[in-house]
N, C-alpha and C. Protein backbone atom coordinates (compact mmCIF):
# COMPACT_ATOMS: atom_id res chain seq x y z
N MET A 1 6.54 19.94 49.61
CA MET A 1 7.00 20.94 48.66
C MET A 1 7.38 22.24 49.37
N TYR A 2 6.58 22.65 50.35
CA TYR A 2 6.82 23.95 50.96
C TYR A 2 8.02 23.95 51.89
N LYS A 3 8.49 22.79 52.33
CA LYS A 3 9.61 22.71 53.27
C LYS A 3 10.96 23.01 52.60
N LEU A 4 11.10 22.68 51.33
CA LEU A 4 12.39 22.82 50.66
C LEU A 4 12.87 24.27 50.61
N LEU A 5 12.00 25.19 50.28
CA LEU A 5 12.40 26.60 50.18
C LEU A 5 12.83 27.18 51.53
N PRO A 6 12.04 27.04 52.59
CA PRO A 6 12.52 27.59 53.87
C PRO A 6 13.81 26.92 54.36
N ASP A 7 13.94 25.62 54.12
CA ASP A 7 15.18 24.94 54.51
C ASP A 7 16.38 25.50 53.73
N TYR A 8 16.18 25.75 52.45
CA TYR A 8 17.25 26.33 51.63
C TYR A 8 17.64 27.71 52.17
N ILE A 9 16.65 28.54 52.45
CA ILE A 9 16.92 29.89 52.94
C ILE A 9 17.67 29.83 54.27
N LYS A 10 17.21 28.98 55.18
CA LYS A 10 17.85 28.87 56.51
C LYS A 10 19.25 28.29 56.41
N GLU A 11 19.51 27.49 55.38
CA GLU A 11 20.86 26.95 55.19
C GLU A 11 21.84 28.04 54.72
N LYS A 12 21.32 29.01 53.97
CA LYS A 12 22.18 30.04 53.39
C LYS A 12 22.34 31.27 54.27
N ILE A 13 21.32 31.61 55.05
CA ILE A 13 21.39 32.82 55.87
C ILE A 13 20.78 32.56 57.25
N THR A 14 21.17 33.38 58.21
CA THR A 14 20.53 33.39 59.52
C THR A 14 19.38 34.37 59.44
N ILE A 15 18.18 33.86 59.75
CA ILE A 15 16.98 34.69 59.60
C ILE A 15 15.99 34.35 60.71
N SER A 16 15.34 35.35 61.25
CA SER A 16 14.34 35.11 62.29
C SER A 16 13.10 34.46 61.68
N ASP A 17 12.33 33.79 62.52
CA ASP A 17 11.09 33.16 62.03
C ASP A 17 10.12 34.17 61.44
N PRO A 18 9.90 35.33 62.09
CA PRO A 18 9.00 36.32 61.47
C PRO A 18 9.49 36.81 60.11
N ASP A 19 10.82 37.06 59.99
CA ASP A 19 11.36 37.50 58.71
C ASP A 19 11.25 36.41 57.66
N LEU A 20 11.47 35.17 58.06
CA LEU A 20 11.32 34.05 57.12
C LEU A 20 9.88 33.96 56.63
N GLU A 21 8.93 34.12 57.52
CA GLU A 21 7.52 34.09 57.12
C GLU A 21 7.20 35.23 56.14
N THR A 22 7.80 36.38 56.38
CA THR A 22 7.60 37.51 55.45
C THR A 22 8.16 37.15 54.07
N VAL A 23 9.37 36.62 54.04
CA VAL A 23 9.99 36.22 52.77
C VAL A 23 9.10 35.22 52.05
N LEU A 24 8.69 34.17 52.76
CA LEU A 24 7.90 33.10 52.13
C LEU A 24 6.55 33.59 51.63
N SER A 25 6.01 34.63 52.26
CA SER A 25 4.70 35.13 51.84
C SER A 25 4.74 35.73 50.44
N TYR A 26 5.92 36.08 49.95
CA TYR A 26 6.06 36.66 48.61
C TYR A 26 6.17 35.58 47.52
N PHE A 27 6.46 34.36 47.88
CA PHE A 27 6.63 33.28 46.91
C PHE A 27 5.30 32.59 46.62
N LYS A 28 5.11 32.25 45.36
CA LYS A 28 3.88 31.57 44.92
C LYS A 28 4.27 30.26 44.23
N PRO A 29 3.49 29.19 44.46
CA PRO A 29 3.79 27.92 43.79
C PRO A 29 3.30 27.94 42.34
N GLN A 30 3.99 27.18 41.52
CA GLN A 30 3.58 27.04 40.12
C GLN A 30 4.01 25.66 39.62
N LYS A 31 3.11 24.99 38.91
CA LYS A 31 3.42 23.71 38.29
C LYS A 31 3.59 23.93 36.81
N LEU A 32 4.68 23.41 36.28
CA LEU A 32 5.04 23.62 34.88
C LEU A 32 5.03 22.29 34.14
N LYS A 33 4.58 22.32 32.93
CA LYS A 33 4.59 21.12 32.08
C LYS A 33 5.95 21.00 31.38
N LYS A 34 6.30 19.78 31.06
CA LYS A 34 7.53 19.53 30.32
C LYS A 34 7.55 20.39 29.06
N ASN A 35 8.68 21.04 28.81
CA ASN A 35 8.94 21.91 27.66
C ASN A 35 8.26 23.28 27.72
N GLU A 36 7.57 23.59 28.81
CA GLU A 36 6.93 24.90 28.94
C GLU A 36 8.00 26.00 28.99
N ILE A 37 7.77 27.05 28.23
CA ILE A 37 8.68 28.20 28.18
C ILE A 37 8.20 29.26 29.17
N LEU A 38 9.11 29.71 30.03
CA LEU A 38 8.77 30.72 31.03
C LEU A 38 9.22 32.12 30.60
N VAL A 39 10.33 32.17 29.88
CA VAL A 39 10.87 33.44 29.38
C VAL A 39 11.30 33.21 27.93
N ASN A 40 10.94 34.13 27.07
CA ASN A 40 11.36 34.12 25.66
C ASN A 40 12.29 35.30 25.41
N PRO A 41 13.19 35.16 24.43
CA PRO A 41 13.98 36.34 24.04
C PRO A 41 13.04 37.48 23.64
N GLY A 42 13.43 38.68 23.98
CA GLY A 42 12.59 39.83 23.68
C GLY A 42 11.67 40.22 24.82
N GLU A 43 11.55 39.36 25.83
CA GLU A 43 10.74 39.66 27.00
C GLU A 43 11.64 40.14 28.14
N LYS A 44 11.04 40.82 29.09
CA LYS A 44 11.74 41.19 30.31
C LYS A 44 11.32 40.20 31.39
N PRO A 45 12.26 39.42 31.89
CA PRO A 45 11.87 38.44 32.92
C PRO A 45 11.41 39.16 34.19
N GLN A 46 10.25 38.79 34.64
CA GLN A 46 9.66 39.44 35.81
C GLN A 46 9.70 38.56 37.06
N ARG A 47 10.19 37.34 36.91
CA ARG A 47 10.17 36.40 38.02
C ARG A 47 11.51 35.71 38.17
N ILE A 48 11.78 35.31 39.41
CA ILE A 48 12.89 34.41 39.69
C ILE A 48 12.26 33.14 40.28
N TYR A 49 12.79 32.00 39.90
CA TYR A 49 12.19 30.71 40.23
C TYR A 49 13.09 29.92 41.17
N PHE A 50 12.46 29.23 42.11
CA PHE A 50 13.14 28.27 42.97
C PHE A 50 12.61 26.90 42.61
N VAL A 51 13.48 26.00 42.18
CA VAL A 51 13.06 24.69 41.71
C VAL A 51 12.84 23.75 42.90
N VAL A 52 11.63 23.24 43.01
CA VAL A 52 11.29 22.27 44.05
C VAL A 52 11.48 20.86 43.52
N SER A 53 10.99 20.63 42.31
CA SER A 53 11.20 19.34 41.64
C SER A 53 11.24 19.60 40.14
N GLY A 54 12.02 18.78 39.45
CA GLY A 54 12.16 18.95 38.01
C GLY A 54 13.42 19.71 37.65
N CYS A 55 13.36 20.41 36.52
CA CYS A 55 14.55 21.09 36.02
C CYS A 55 14.16 22.24 35.10
N LEU A 56 14.86 23.36 35.26
CA LEU A 56 14.75 24.49 34.34
C LEU A 56 16.04 24.59 33.56
N ARG A 57 15.91 24.93 32.29
CA ARG A 57 17.07 25.12 31.43
C ARG A 57 17.08 26.55 30.94
N ILE A 58 18.26 27.16 30.95
CA ILE A 58 18.43 28.50 30.41
C ILE A 58 19.29 28.36 29.17
N PHE A 59 18.77 28.82 28.03
CA PHE A 59 19.51 28.67 26.78
C PHE A 59 19.23 29.83 25.86
N PHE A 60 20.03 29.91 24.81
CA PHE A 60 19.84 30.93 23.78
C PHE A 60 20.09 30.28 22.43
N LEU A 61 19.80 31.00 21.37
CA LEU A 61 20.03 30.50 20.03
C LEU A 61 21.28 31.17 19.45
N THR A 62 22.12 30.35 18.83
CA THR A 62 23.30 30.89 18.18
C THR A 62 22.90 31.61 16.90
N GLU A 63 23.85 32.28 16.29
CA GLU A 63 23.58 32.98 15.03
C GLU A 63 23.06 32.01 13.97
N GLY A 64 23.53 30.76 14.01
CA GLY A 64 23.08 29.75 13.06
C GLY A 64 21.77 29.09 13.44
N GLY A 65 21.18 29.47 14.59
CA GLY A 65 19.89 28.93 15.01
C GLY A 65 19.97 27.71 15.90
N ALA A 66 21.17 27.29 16.27
CA ALA A 66 21.32 26.13 17.17
C ALA A 66 21.11 26.57 18.61
N GLU A 67 20.57 25.66 19.42
CA GLU A 67 20.39 25.94 20.84
C GLU A 67 21.72 25.81 21.57
N ALA A 68 22.01 26.76 22.44
CA ALA A 68 23.22 26.73 23.28
C ALA A 68 22.76 26.84 24.73
N THR A 69 22.91 25.75 25.46
CA THR A 69 22.45 25.72 26.85
C THR A 69 23.49 26.36 27.75
N ARG A 70 23.05 27.33 28.55
CA ARG A 70 23.95 28.02 29.47
C ARG A 70 23.90 27.43 30.87
N HIS A 71 22.71 26.98 31.30
CA HIS A 71 22.59 26.52 32.68
C HIS A 71 21.40 25.58 32.83
N PHE A 72 21.55 24.60 33.72
CA PHE A 72 20.45 23.77 34.18
C PHE A 72 20.27 24.05 35.67
N ALA A 73 19.03 24.25 36.10
CA ALA A 73 18.73 24.42 37.52
C ALA A 73 17.87 23.25 37.96
N PHE A 74 18.41 22.46 38.85
CA PHE A 74 17.70 21.30 39.40
C PHE A 74 17.12 21.67 40.76
N GLU A 75 16.61 20.67 41.45
CA GLU A 75 15.99 20.87 42.75
C GLU A 75 16.91 21.67 43.68
N ASN A 76 16.27 22.57 44.41
CA ASN A 76 16.96 23.34 45.44
C ASN A 76 17.89 24.42 44.85
N GLN A 77 17.53 24.93 43.67
CA GLN A 77 18.31 25.99 43.03
C GLN A 77 17.38 27.08 42.52
N PHE A 78 17.89 28.31 42.49
CA PHE A 78 17.19 29.43 41.88
C PHE A 78 17.58 29.53 40.42
N ALA A 79 16.70 30.09 39.61
CA ALA A 79 17.00 30.29 38.19
C ALA A 79 16.14 31.41 37.63
N THR A 80 16.74 32.13 36.69
CA THR A 80 16.04 33.12 35.88
C THR A 80 16.99 33.53 34.76
N ALA A 81 16.53 34.35 33.87
CA ALA A 81 17.42 34.97 32.88
C ALA A 81 18.08 36.12 33.62
N LEU A 82 19.15 35.81 34.34
CA LEU A 82 19.70 36.68 35.38
C LEU A 82 20.17 38.03 34.86
N VAL A 83 20.86 38.07 33.74
CA VAL A 83 21.36 39.36 33.22
C VAL A 83 20.18 40.31 32.99
N SER A 84 19.13 39.81 32.39
CA SER A 84 17.96 40.65 32.13
C SER A 84 17.23 41.00 33.41
N PHE A 85 17.17 40.05 34.35
CA PHE A 85 16.52 40.29 35.64
C PHE A 85 17.21 41.45 36.35
N ILE A 86 18.54 41.48 36.29
CA ILE A 86 19.31 42.53 36.98
C ILE A 86 19.24 43.85 36.24
N THR A 87 19.43 43.82 34.92
CA THR A 87 19.54 45.06 34.15
C THR A 87 18.19 45.66 33.76
N GLY A 88 17.15 44.83 33.74
CA GLY A 88 15.85 45.31 33.29
C GLY A 88 15.72 45.36 31.78
N GLU A 89 16.77 44.92 31.09
CA GLU A 89 16.73 44.89 29.63
C GLU A 89 16.00 43.63 29.17
N ILE A 90 15.65 43.60 27.88
CA ILE A 90 14.97 42.42 27.37
C ILE A 90 15.93 41.23 27.37
N SER A 91 15.35 40.06 27.53
CA SER A 91 16.14 38.83 27.60
C SER A 91 16.61 38.41 26.22
N LYS A 92 17.79 37.82 26.19
CA LYS A 92 18.30 37.18 24.98
C LYS A 92 18.24 35.67 25.14
N GLU A 93 17.68 35.23 26.28
CA GLU A 93 17.64 33.82 26.62
C GLU A 93 16.21 33.32 26.79
N TYR A 94 16.10 32.00 26.69
CA TYR A 94 14.88 31.29 27.05
C TYR A 94 15.07 30.70 28.44
N VAL A 95 13.99 30.59 29.19
CA VAL A 95 13.95 29.76 30.39
C VAL A 95 12.85 28.75 30.15
N GLN A 96 13.19 27.47 30.26
CA GLN A 96 12.29 26.39 29.87
C GLN A 96 12.29 25.29 30.93
N ALA A 97 11.10 24.75 31.21
CA ALA A 97 10.98 23.56 32.05
C ALA A 97 11.30 22.35 31.18
N ILE A 98 12.29 21.57 31.58
CA ILE A 98 12.71 20.42 30.78
C ILE A 98 11.93 19.17 31.16
N GLU A 99 11.48 19.12 32.38
CA GLU A 99 10.65 18.03 32.88
C GLU A 99 9.40 18.67 33.46
N ASP A 100 8.39 17.87 33.80
CA ASP A 100 7.31 18.42 34.62
C ASP A 100 8.00 18.96 35.87
N THR A 101 7.75 20.21 36.19
CA THR A 101 8.55 20.90 37.20
C THR A 101 7.64 21.67 38.15
N GLU A 102 7.99 21.65 39.42
CA GLU A 102 7.31 22.46 40.41
C GLU A 102 8.29 23.51 40.91
N VAL A 103 7.84 24.74 40.93
CA VAL A 103 8.69 25.85 41.36
C VAL A 103 7.90 26.73 42.33
N TYR A 104 8.65 27.55 43.03
CA TYR A 104 8.11 28.73 43.68
C TYR A 104 8.69 29.91 42.93
N PHE A 105 7.88 30.91 42.68
CA PHE A 105 8.40 32.10 42.01
C PHE A 105 8.11 33.33 42.86
N ILE A 106 8.93 34.33 42.64
CA ILE A 106 8.74 35.63 43.27
C ILE A 106 8.86 36.68 42.16
N TRP A 107 7.98 37.65 42.19
CA TRP A 107 8.03 38.74 41.22
C TRP A 107 9.27 39.59 41.47
N GLN A 108 9.83 40.13 40.42
CA GLN A 108 11.03 40.96 40.51
C GLN A 108 10.83 42.11 41.49
N SER A 109 9.71 42.78 41.41
CA SER A 109 9.44 43.92 42.30
C SER A 109 9.40 43.48 43.76
N ASP A 110 8.81 42.32 44.02
CA ASP A 110 8.77 41.79 45.39
C ASP A 110 10.15 41.37 45.86
N PHE A 111 10.94 40.79 44.96
CA PHE A 111 12.29 40.38 45.28
C PHE A 111 13.10 41.60 45.75
N TYR A 112 13.01 42.70 45.00
CA TYR A 112 13.74 43.91 45.36
C TYR A 112 13.14 44.59 46.59
N GLU A 113 11.86 44.43 46.80
CA GLU A 113 11.24 44.94 48.04
C GLU A 113 11.82 44.21 49.25
N LEU A 114 11.99 42.90 49.14
CA LEU A 114 12.59 42.13 50.24
C LEU A 114 14.01 42.61 50.55
N LEU A 115 14.75 43.01 49.52
CA LEU A 115 16.09 43.54 49.75
C LEU A 115 16.05 44.80 50.63
N LYS A 116 14.96 45.55 50.53
CA LYS A 116 14.82 46.77 51.33
C LYS A 116 14.37 46.48 52.76
N ILE A 117 13.48 45.50 52.93
CA ILE A 117 12.86 45.32 54.25
C ILE A 117 13.47 44.19 55.09
N ILE A 118 14.18 43.26 54.48
CA ILE A 118 14.81 42.14 55.20
C ILE A 118 16.31 42.19 54.92
N PRO A 119 17.09 42.74 55.82
CA PRO A 119 18.53 42.90 55.55
C PRO A 119 19.23 41.58 55.18
N GLN A 120 18.82 40.47 55.78
CA GLN A 120 19.47 39.19 55.49
C GLN A 120 19.20 38.72 54.06
N TRP A 121 18.13 39.20 53.46
CA TRP A 121 17.81 38.78 52.09
C TRP A 121 18.92 39.17 51.13
N GLU A 122 19.57 40.28 51.41
CA GLU A 122 20.69 40.72 50.56
C GLU A 122 21.82 39.69 50.59
N LYS A 123 22.04 39.07 51.74
CA LYS A 123 23.08 38.05 51.84
C LYS A 123 22.72 36.83 50.98
N LEU A 124 21.45 36.45 50.97
CA LEU A 124 21.03 35.33 50.13
C LEU A 124 21.20 35.69 48.65
N TYR A 125 20.84 36.90 48.30
CA TYR A 125 21.00 37.36 46.93
C TYR A 125 22.47 37.35 46.53
N ARG A 126 23.33 37.84 47.42
CA ARG A 126 24.77 37.83 47.15
C ARG A 126 25.26 36.40 46.94
N HIS A 127 24.78 35.48 47.75
CA HIS A 127 25.17 34.07 47.59
C HIS A 127 24.78 33.58 46.19
N TYR A 128 23.56 33.90 45.76
CA TYR A 128 23.09 33.49 44.43
C TYR A 128 23.95 34.11 43.33
N LEU A 129 24.24 35.40 43.45
CA LEU A 129 25.05 36.08 42.45
C LEU A 129 26.47 35.50 42.40
N GLU A 130 27.04 35.22 43.56
CA GLU A 130 28.38 34.63 43.60
C GLU A 130 28.38 33.25 42.97
N TYR A 131 27.37 32.45 43.26
CA TYR A 131 27.25 31.12 42.67
C TYR A 131 27.18 31.24 41.14
N ALA A 132 26.34 32.16 40.66
CA ALA A 132 26.18 32.34 39.21
C ALA A 132 27.50 32.80 38.58
N TYR A 133 28.19 33.71 39.23
CA TYR A 133 29.45 34.22 38.69
C TYR A 133 30.49 33.10 38.61
N VAL A 134 30.67 32.37 39.70
CA VAL A 134 31.66 31.29 39.73
C VAL A 134 31.31 30.21 38.71
N THR A 135 30.05 29.83 38.65
CA THR A 135 29.62 28.80 37.69
C THR A 135 29.90 29.23 36.26
N ASN A 136 29.52 30.45 35.91
CA ASN A 136 29.72 30.93 34.54
C ASN A 136 31.20 31.12 34.20
N THR A 137 31.97 31.60 35.16
CA THR A 137 33.41 31.77 34.92
C THR A 137 34.09 30.42 34.72
N ASN A 138 33.76 29.45 35.56
CA ASN A 138 34.34 28.12 35.41
C ASN A 138 33.95 27.48 34.08
N ARG A 139 32.72 27.68 33.65
CA ARG A 139 32.31 27.15 32.35
C ARG A 139 33.08 27.80 31.22
N LEU A 140 33.21 29.12 31.26
CA LEU A 140 33.97 29.82 30.23
C LEU A 140 35.41 29.33 30.19
N MET A 141 36.02 29.19 31.36
CA MET A 141 37.41 28.71 31.41
C MET A 141 37.50 27.28 30.86
N SER A 142 36.51 26.45 31.12
CA SER A 142 36.55 25.07 30.61
C SER A 142 36.49 25.05 29.09
N PHE A 143 35.73 25.96 28.49
CA PHE A 143 35.66 26.02 27.03
C PHE A 143 37.00 26.42 26.42
N ILE A 144 37.75 27.21 27.15
CA ILE A 144 39.03 27.71 26.64
C ILE A 144 40.17 26.75 26.93
N THR A 145 40.14 26.09 28.09
CA THR A 145 41.30 25.33 28.54
C THR A 145 41.15 23.81 28.47
N LEU A 146 39.93 23.31 28.30
CA LEU A 146 39.72 21.86 28.31
C LEU A 146 39.22 21.38 26.96
N ASP A 147 39.61 20.16 26.60
CA ASP A 147 39.03 19.57 25.39
C ASP A 147 37.69 18.92 25.74
N ALA A 148 37.02 18.38 24.74
CA ALA A 148 35.69 17.81 24.92
C ALA A 148 35.68 16.69 25.96
N THR A 149 36.68 15.82 25.93
CA THR A 149 36.75 14.71 26.88
C THR A 149 36.88 15.24 28.30
N GLU A 150 37.73 16.21 28.50
CA GLU A 150 37.94 16.77 29.83
C GLU A 150 36.68 17.50 30.33
N ARG A 151 35.99 18.22 29.43
CA ARG A 151 34.75 18.90 29.83
C ARG A 151 33.69 17.89 30.23
N TYR A 152 33.59 16.79 29.48
CA TYR A 152 32.62 15.75 29.80
C TYR A 152 32.93 15.12 31.16
N ARG A 153 34.18 14.78 31.40
CA ARG A 153 34.58 14.19 32.69
C ARG A 153 34.30 15.16 33.84
N GLN A 154 34.60 16.42 33.61
CA GLN A 154 34.34 17.44 34.63
C GLN A 154 32.84 17.52 34.94
N LEU A 155 32.02 17.49 33.91
CA LEU A 155 30.57 17.54 34.11
C LEU A 155 30.09 16.32 34.89
N LEU A 156 30.59 15.15 34.55
CA LEU A 156 30.21 13.93 35.29
C LEU A 156 30.59 14.05 36.76
N ALA A 157 31.74 14.61 37.04
CA ALA A 157 32.21 14.74 38.42
C ALA A 157 31.45 15.82 39.19
N GLN A 158 31.15 16.93 38.53
CA GLN A 158 30.57 18.07 39.24
C GLN A 158 29.05 18.11 39.22
N ASN A 159 28.44 17.61 38.16
CA ASN A 159 26.98 17.69 38.04
C ASN A 159 26.45 16.51 37.23
N PRO A 160 26.53 15.30 37.79
CA PRO A 160 26.08 14.12 37.04
C PRO A 160 24.60 14.15 36.67
N ASN A 161 23.79 14.95 37.38
CA ASN A 161 22.37 15.07 37.04
C ASN A 161 22.17 15.47 35.58
N VAL A 162 23.03 16.34 35.08
CA VAL A 162 22.89 16.79 33.70
C VAL A 162 22.97 15.60 32.75
N VAL A 163 23.97 14.75 32.93
CA VAL A 163 24.17 13.61 32.04
C VAL A 163 23.09 12.56 32.25
N MET A 164 22.69 12.35 33.50
CA MET A 164 21.73 11.29 33.82
C MET A 164 20.29 11.67 33.44
N ARG A 165 19.93 12.95 33.55
CA ARG A 165 18.52 13.33 33.39
C ARG A 165 18.19 14.06 32.11
N MET A 166 19.17 14.65 31.46
CA MET A 166 18.90 15.48 30.29
C MET A 166 19.12 14.70 28.99
N PRO A 167 18.34 15.03 27.95
CA PRO A 167 18.55 14.40 26.65
C PRO A 167 19.95 14.71 26.11
N ASN A 168 20.49 13.79 25.33
CA ASN A 168 21.83 13.97 24.77
C ASN A 168 21.98 15.29 24.01
N LYS A 169 20.95 15.69 23.29
CA LYS A 169 21.02 16.93 22.53
C LYS A 169 21.31 18.12 23.44
N MET A 170 20.68 18.15 24.61
CA MET A 170 20.88 19.26 25.55
C MET A 170 22.23 19.16 26.26
N VAL A 171 22.65 17.94 26.58
CA VAL A 171 23.96 17.74 27.20
C VAL A 171 25.05 18.20 26.24
N ALA A 172 24.94 17.80 24.98
CA ALA A 172 25.92 18.22 23.97
C ALA A 172 25.92 19.74 23.83
N SER A 173 24.74 20.35 23.83
CA SER A 173 24.62 21.80 23.73
C SER A 173 25.30 22.47 24.93
N TYR A 174 25.13 21.91 26.11
CA TYR A 174 25.74 22.45 27.33
C TYR A 174 27.26 22.37 27.28
N LEU A 175 27.77 21.26 26.73
CA LEU A 175 29.22 21.06 26.62
C LEU A 175 29.83 21.73 25.39
N ASN A 176 28.97 22.24 24.52
CA ASN A 176 29.42 22.86 23.27
C ASN A 176 30.15 21.85 22.38
N ILE A 177 29.55 20.67 22.25
CA ILE A 177 30.08 19.61 21.39
C ILE A 177 28.93 19.04 20.58
N SER A 178 29.25 18.26 19.56
CA SER A 178 28.21 17.63 18.76
C SER A 178 27.63 16.42 19.52
N GLN A 179 26.44 16.01 19.11
CA GLN A 179 25.84 14.81 19.71
C GLN A 179 26.68 13.57 19.41
N GLU A 180 27.30 13.55 18.25
CA GLU A 180 28.15 12.42 17.88
C GLU A 180 29.36 12.32 18.81
N THR A 181 29.97 13.46 19.09
CA THR A 181 31.11 13.47 20.02
C THR A 181 30.66 13.02 21.40
N LEU A 182 29.50 13.50 21.84
CA LEU A 182 28.99 13.08 23.14
C LEU A 182 28.77 11.57 23.18
N SER A 183 28.20 11.01 22.13
CA SER A 183 27.99 9.56 22.08
C SER A 183 29.30 8.80 22.19
N ARG A 184 30.33 9.27 21.50
CA ARG A 184 31.65 8.63 21.60
C ARG A 184 32.20 8.73 23.02
N LEU A 185 32.06 9.88 23.64
CA LEU A 185 32.56 10.06 24.99
C LEU A 185 31.82 9.16 25.99
N LYS A 186 30.51 9.05 25.81
CA LYS A 186 29.72 8.19 26.70
C LYS A 186 30.12 6.72 26.54
N SER A 187 30.40 6.32 25.31
CA SER A 187 30.75 4.90 25.07
C SER A 187 32.12 4.56 25.67
N LYS A 188 32.99 5.56 25.83
CA LYS A 188 34.31 5.33 26.40
C LYS A 188 34.27 5.39 27.93
N ALA A 189 33.25 6.00 28.49
CA ALA A 189 33.18 6.19 29.95
C ALA A 189 32.82 4.91 30.68
């Protein structure tokens, strides 16, 4: 479990062994049960999570009360209610463990402390922010420019874990389609 995080960090940035040890000393392990909620709307997220095994889902409720999934974070990915983490405002999103999940977490204050004391940490943070920006922009563009069939095919090509590991209700929520439409698309695939 402990090898995945340092390997991820070393893959993204060049960092000395002493600096890597400093970074790792701020992370704490946590085991989460399936469906456990880590962040609720109205809370200020205080942690960022690195997924070692399992999956975290970031979602919100629509005006009509339906769940709308914004992101799935699988193994070897960071996740949090990022807008709230950055702005310090209360979250409008949930962060939930979808499977029994093992993570490492770092407190927000410690994360920002690392930005001050480890110059390379800023590069890792920038990588995470760029990934989040590109992912969210591509999703928004897919909702505007692609029909349901094209979005489903794109998801299969880019992130088959979502279709293979997540319940249909969550996959449909992620694609912004009904479960019935998803069932039809799966039967044609």
